PDB file of N, CA and C in Angstrom:
ATOM      1  N   MET A   1      88.587 -20.533 -89.169  1.00  0.00           N
ATOM      2  CA  MET A   1      89.485 -19.755 -88.582  1.00  0.00           C
ATOM      3  C   MET A   1      89.310 -19.274 -87.136  1.00  0.00           C
ATOM      4  N   ALA A   2      90.026 -19.231 -86.446  1.00  0.00           N
ATOM      5  CA  ALA A   2      90.130 -18.906 -84.934  1.00  0.00           C
ATOM      6  C   ALA A   2      91.354 -17.962 -84.491  1.00  0.00           C
ATOM      7  N   ILE A   3      91.106 -17.524 -83.492  1.00  0.00           N
ATOM      8  CA  ILE A   3      92.317 -16.597 -82.807  1.00  0.00           C
ATOM      9  C   ILE A   3      92.325 -16.832 -81.404  1.00  0.00           C
ATOM     10  N   VAL A   4      93.664 -17.251 -81.222  1.00  0.00           N
ATOM     11  CA  VAL A   4      94.139 -17.198 -79.562  1.00  0.00           C
ATOM     12  C   VAL A   4      95.337 -16.290 -79.238  1.00  0.00           C
ATOM     13  N   ASN A   5      94.350 -15.127 -78.622  1.00  0.00           N
ATOM     14  CA  ASN A   5      95.299 -13.834 -78.121  1.00  0.00           C
ATOM     15  C   ASN A   5      96.120 -13.981 -76.789  1.00  0.00           C
ATOM     16  N   ARG A   6      97.504 -14.375 -76.756  1.00  0.00           N
ATOM     17  CA  ARG A   6      98.331 -14.748 -75.770  1.00  0.00           C
ATOM     18  C   ARG A   6      98.885 -13.339 -75.058  1.00  0.00           C
ATOM     19  N   THR A   7      98.334 -12.297 -75.455  1.00  0.00           N
ATOM     20  CA  THR A   7      98.839 -10.736 -74.956  1.00  0.00           C
ATOM     21  C   THR A   7      98.362 -10.717 -73.521  1.00  0.00           C
ATOM     22  N   PRO A   8      99.120 -10.654 -72.436  1.00  0.00           N
ATOM     23  CA  PRO A   8      98.478 -10.856 -71.127  1.00  0.00           C
ATOM     24  C   PRO A   8      97.986  -9.336 -70.648  1.00  0.00           C
ATOM     25  N   ASP A   9      98.021  -8.261 -71.254  1.00  0.00           N
ATOM     26  CA  ASP A   9      97.489  -7.236 -71.013  1.00  0.00           C
ATOM     27  C   ASP A   9      95.979  -6.834 -72.060  1.00  0.00           C
ATOM     28  N   SER A  10      95.827  -7.548 -72.785  1.00  0.00           N
ATOM     29  CA  SER A  10      94.810  -7.614 -73.548  1.00  0.00           C
ATOM     30  C   SER A  10      93.307  -6.924 -73.081  1.00  0.00           C
ATOM     31  N   PHE A  11      92.774  -5.698 -73.731  1.00  0.00           N
ATOM     32  CA  PHE A  11      91.994  -4.998 -73.469  1.00  0.00           C
ATOM     33  C   PHE A  11      90.512  -6.041 -73.754  1.00  0.00           C
ATOM     34  N   TYR A  12      90.908  -6.857 -74.588  1.00  0.00           N
ATOM     35  CA  TYR A  12      89.486  -8.054 -75.278  1.00  0.00           C
ATOM     36  C   TYR A  12      89.268  -8.723 -74.410  1.00  0.00           C
ATOM     37  N   ASP A  13      90.337  -9.757 -73.865  1.00  0.00           N
ATOM     38  CA  ASP A  13      90.068 -10.724 -73.195  1.00  0.00           C
ATOM     39  C   ASP A  13      90.638 -10.542 -71.472  1.00  0.00           C
ATOM     40  N   ARG A  14      91.489  -9.751 -71.648  1.00  0.00           N
ATOM     41  CA  ARG A  14      91.978  -9.572 -69.957  1.00  0.00           C
ATOM     42  C   ARG A  14      92.916 -10.558 -70.044  1.00  0.00           C
ATOM     43  N   GLY A  15      93.873 -11.188 -71.087  1.00  0.00           N
ATOM     44  CA  GLY A  15      94.830 -11.901 -70.780  1.00  0.00           C
ATOM     45  C   GLY A  15      94.262 -13.295 -70.515  1.00  0.00           C
ATOM     46  N   ALA A  16      93.129 -13.600 -70.439  1.00  0.00           N
ATOM     47  CA  ALA A  16      92.550 -15.038 -70.264  1.00  0.00           C
ATOM     48  C   ALA A  16      93.190 -16.230 -70.975  1.00  0.00           C
ATOM     49  N   ASN A  17      93.865 -15.767 -72.375  1.00  0.00           N
ATOM     50  CA  ASN A  17      94.412 -17.189 -72.770  1.00  0.00           C
ATOM     51  C   ASN A  17      96.179 -16.991 -72.499  1.00  0.00           C
ATOM     52  N   PHE A  18      96.731 -16.211 -71.919  1.00  0.00           N
ATOM     53  CA  PHE A  18      98.113 -15.998 -71.678  1.00  0.00           C
ATOM     54  C   PHE A  18      98.926 -17.143 -71.163  1.00  0.00           C
ATOM     55  N   ALA A  19      98.452 -17.763 -70.002  1.00  0.00           N
ATOM     56  CA  ALA A  19      99.045 -18.766 -69.618  1.00  0.00           C
ATOM     57  C   ALA A  19      99.139 -20.015 -70.380  1.00  0.00           C
ATOM     58  N   ASP A  20      99.939 -20.834 -70.436  1.00  0.00           N
ATOM     59  CA  ASP A  20     100.480 -22.079 -71.638  1.00  0.00           C
ATOM     60  C   ASP A  20      99.041 -22.875 -71.702  1.00  0.00           C
ATOM     61  N   ASP A  21      98.922 -23.218 -70.476  1.00  0.00           N
ATOM     62  CA  ASP A  21      97.515 -24.279 -70.187  1.00  0.00           C
ATOM     63  C   ASP A  21      96.502 -23.791 -70.991  1.00  0.00           C
ATOM     64  N   ALA A  22      95.899 -22.611 -70.490  1.00  0.00           N
ATOM     65  CA  ALA A  22      94.916 -21.837 -71.067  1.00  0.00           C
ATOM     66  C   ALA A  22      95.164 -21.863 -72.615  1.00  0.00           C
ATOM     67  N   ALA A  23      96.155 -21.245 -72.987  1.00  0.00           N
ATOM     68  CA  ALA A  23      96.105 -21.127 -74.502  1.00  0.00           C
ATOM     69  C   ALA A  23      96.036 -22.813 -75.217  1.00  0.00           C
ATOM     70  N   ARG A  24      96.598 -23.738 -74.589  1.00  0.00           N
ATOM     71  CA  ARG A  24      96.324 -25.135 -75.212  1.00  0.00           C
ATOM     72  C   ARG A  24      94.859 -25.392 -74.922  1.00  0.00           C
ATOM     73  N   ALA A  25      94.040 -25.441 -73.844  1.00  0.00           N
ATOM     74  CA  ALA A  25      92.884 -25.649 -73.444  1.00  0.00           C
ATOM     75  C   ALA A  25      92.005 -24.868 -74.800  1.00  0.00           C
ATOM     76  N   ALA A  26      92.416 -23.245 -74.734  1.00  0.00           N
ATOM     77  CA  ALA A  26      91.457 -22.698 -75.712  1.00  0.00           C
ATOM     78  C   ALA A  26      91.491 -23.096 -77.299  1.00  0.00           C
ATOM     79  N   THR A  27      93.153 -23.615 -77.727  1.00  0.00           N
ATOM     80  CA  THR A  27      93.028 -24.301 -78.870  1.00  0.00           C
ATOM     81  C   THR A  27      92.219 -25.630 -79.215  1.00  0.00           C
ATOM     82  N   HIS A  28      92.473 -26.303 -78.055  1.00  0.00           N
ATOM     83  CA  HIS A  28      91.624 -27.616 -78.462  1.00  0.00           C
ATOM     84  C   HIS A  28      90.251 -27.270 -78.486  1.00  0.00           C
ATOM     85  N   ARG A  29      89.499 -26.328 -77.996  1.00  0.00           N
ATOM     86  CA  ARG A  29      88.072 -26.174 -78.160  1.00  0.00           C
ATOM     87  C   ARG A  29      87.759 -25.566 -79.182  1.00  0.00           C
ATOM     88  N   MET A  30      88.752 -24.730 -79.989  1.00  0.00           N
ATOM     89  CA  MET A  30      88.458 -24.287 -80.966  1.00  0.00           C
ATOM     90  C   MET A  30      88.676 -25.046 -82.433  1.00  0.00           C
ATOM     91  N   VAL A  31      89.839 -26.054 -82.053  1.00  0.00           N
ATOM     92  CA  VAL A  31      89.791 -27.259 -83.150  1.00  0.00           C
ATOM     93  C   VAL A  31      88.673 -28.002 -83.174  1.00  0.00           C
ATOM     94  N   ALA A  32      87.975 -28.280 -81.711  1.00  0.00           N
ATOM     95  CA  ALA A  32      86.682 -29.197 -81.532  1.00  0.00           C
ATOM     96  C   ALA A  32      85.249 -28.495 -82.262  1.00  0.00           C
ATOM     97  N   ASP A  33      85.688 -26.925 -82.358  1.00  0.00           N
ATOM     98  CA  ASP A  33      84.495 -26.552 -82.920  1.00  0.00           C
ATOM     99  C   ASP A  33      84.770 -26.237 -84.274  1.00  0.00           C
ATOM    100  N   GLY A  34      85.566 -26.714 -84.921  1.00  0.00           N
ATOM    101  CA  GLY A  34      85.465 -26.878 -86.347  1.00  0.00           C
ATOM    102  C   GLY A  34      86.588 -26.017 -86.828  1.00  0.00           C
ATOM    103  N   ALA A  35      87.457 -25.493 -85.850  1.00  0.00           N
ATOM    104  CA  ALA A  35      88.609 -24.157 -86.641  1.00  0.00           C
ATOM    105  C   ALA A  35      89.668 -25.111 -87.445  1.00  0.00           C
ATOM    106  N   ASP A  36      89.954 -24.487 -88.357  1.00  0.00           N
ATOM    107  CA  ASP A  36      90.668 -25.077 -89.518  1.00  0.00           C
ATOM    108  C   ASP A  36      92.381 -24.543 -89.345  1.00  0.00           C
ATOM    109  N   VAL A  37      92.129 -23.377 -88.958  1.00  0.00           N
ATOM    110  CA  VAL A  37      93.459 -22.602 -88.856  1.00  0.00           C
ATOM    111  C   VAL A  37      93.238 -21.738 -87.557  1.00  0.00           C
ATOM    112  N   ILE A  38      94.525 -21.633 -86.776  1.00  0.00           N
ATOM    113  CA  ILE A  38      94.346 -20.976 -85.154  1.00  0.00           C
ATOM    114  C   ILE A  38      95.414 -19.966 -85.643  1.00  0.00           C
ATOM    115  N   ASP A  39      94.989 -18.761 -85.526  1.00  0.00           N
ATOM    116  CA  ASP A  39      96.067 -17.592 -85.383  1.00  0.00           C
ATOM    117  C   ASP A  39      96.491 -17.330 -83.968  1.00  0.00           C
ATOM    118  N   VAL A  40      97.883 -17.612 -83.576  1.00  0.00           N
ATOM    119  CA  VAL A  40      98.138 -17.258 -82.343  1.00  0.00           C
ATOM    120  C   VAL A  40      99.269 -15.907 -82.106  1.00  0.00           C
ATOM    121  N   GLY A  41      98.339 -14.915 -81.047  1.00  0.00           N
ATOM    122  CA  GLY A  41      99.030 -13.784 -81.575  1.00  0.00           C
ATOM    123  C   GLY A  41      99.319 -13.379 -79.958  1.00  0.00           C
ATOM    124  N   GLY A  42     100.398 -12.279 -79.851  1.00  0.00           N
ATOM    125  CA  GLY A  42     100.874 -11.566 -78.867  1.00  0.00           C
ATOM    126  C   GLY A  42     102.293 -11.460 -78.785  1.00  0.00           C
TER     127      GLY A  42
END
């Protein structure tokens, strides 16, 4: 399982995955790394 945090003002990743392209790229990396489930929050 992996988590994509889409919160623009996140203290955790400072909104690194807020933009659509960044979120898609993060999701593809997580799947390539073996994630079976991805929780998209924000």
